Protein backbone atom coordinates (compact mmCIF):
# COMPACT_ATOMS: atom_id res chain seq x y z
CA MET A 1 132.09 140.31 87.82
CA VAL A 2 130.40 143.39 89.75
CA VAL A 3 129.51 139.97 91.83
CA GLN A 4 132.62 139.74 92.94
CA GLU A 5 133.76 143.75 93.38
CA THR A 6 131.46 143.56 95.75
CA VAL A 7 132.20 141.17 97.45
CA LYS A 8 135.39 142.49 98.15
CA ARG A 9 134.36 146.10 99.13
CA ILE A 10 132.17 144.48 101.23
CA SER A 11 135.07 142.46 102.72
CA ASP A 12 137.60 145.26 102.88
CA HIS A 13 135.33 147.59 105.00
CA LEU A 14 134.48 144.95 107.35
CA ARG A 15 138.65 145.07 107.02
CA LEU A 16 138.27 140.22 106.84
CA CYS A 17 141.86 138.80 106.87
CA THR A 18 140.01 135.40 104.81
CA PRO A 19 142.72 133.61 103.95
CA GLY A 20 140.64 131.80 101.22
CA LEU A 21 138.76 132.56 98.56
CA ILE A 22 135.53 134.55 98.86
CA THR A 23 133.20 132.97 95.64
CA VAL A 24 129.59 133.90 94.87
CA SER A 25 127.19 131.66 92.37
CA PHE A 26 123.71 131.90 91.39
CA VAL A 27 121.94 128.57 91.52
CA GLY A 28 117.94 127.55 90.54
CA ASP A 29 117.20 125.50 93.63
CA SER A 30 117.43 126.95 96.62
CA GLU A 31 115.09 127.66 100.07
CA ALA A 32 116.38 130.55 101.10
CA PRO A 33 117.53 133.72 99.17
CA ALA A 34 121.19 133.33 99.96
CA SER A 35 123.33 130.89 101.83
CA VAL A 36 127.36 130.95 102.73
CA GLN A 37 128.98 127.76 103.01
CA ARG A 38 132.73 127.39 104.63
CA GLU A 39 135.22 124.68 103.36
CA GLY A 40 138.70 125.12 104.80
CA ASN A 41 139.78 129.10 104.68
CA ASP A 42 137.09 129.46 102.20
CA PHE A 43 133.84 131.03 101.56
CA PHE A 44 131.02 130.14 98.67
CA ILE A 45 127.26 132.41 98.88
CA GLU A 46 125.02 131.08 96.65
CA VAL A 47 122.39 133.43 95.90
CA ARG A 48 119.03 132.26 94.01
CA SER A 49 118.83 133.33 90.68
CA GLU A 50 115.50 134.82 90.65
CA PHE A 51 118.05 137.95 92.19
CA SER A 52 120.51 137.82 88.89
CA LEU A 53 119.28 140.99 87.45
CA ASN A 54 118.06 143.05 90.99
CA LEU A 55 121.45 144.67 92.15
CA GLY A 56 120.12 145.82 95.82
CA ALA A 57 118.85 142.80 96.03
CA ILE A 58 122.47 141.52 95.40
CA GLN A 59 123.82 143.82 97.23
CA ALA A 60 121.89 143.32 100.35
CA LEU A 61 121.95 139.61 99.85
CA LEU A 62 125.68 139.82 100.17
CA ALA A 63 125.88 141.84 102.35
CA HIS A 64 124.25 139.88 104.40
CA GLU A 65 125.89 136.83 103.47
CA MET A 66 129.10 138.46 104.34
CA MET A 67 128.04 139.57 107.95
CA HIS A 68 128.41 135.19 108.29
CA VAL A 69 131.54 135.62 107.43
CA TYR A 70 132.19 138.59 109.69
CA LEU A 71 130.92 136.51 112.69
CA SER A 72 132.36 133.33 112.05
CA GLU A 73 136.30 134.48 111.72
CA TYR A 74 135.53 137.38 115.26
């Protein structure tokens, strides 16, 4: 739940008005440490599972991916 709360705080800080959901999941096999995909109004952020226990890394990766969301909206 910490991960979704982090995304919400970043979204609020950036004053994003995304009408859809922003969902975070951990994946085992990804080339990049994290990535974001858009499907309609929803955004899906995938973070490599090796970072799942490193809160600082998760926060940095989510902030980076949320900037992609921000840039796609503005």
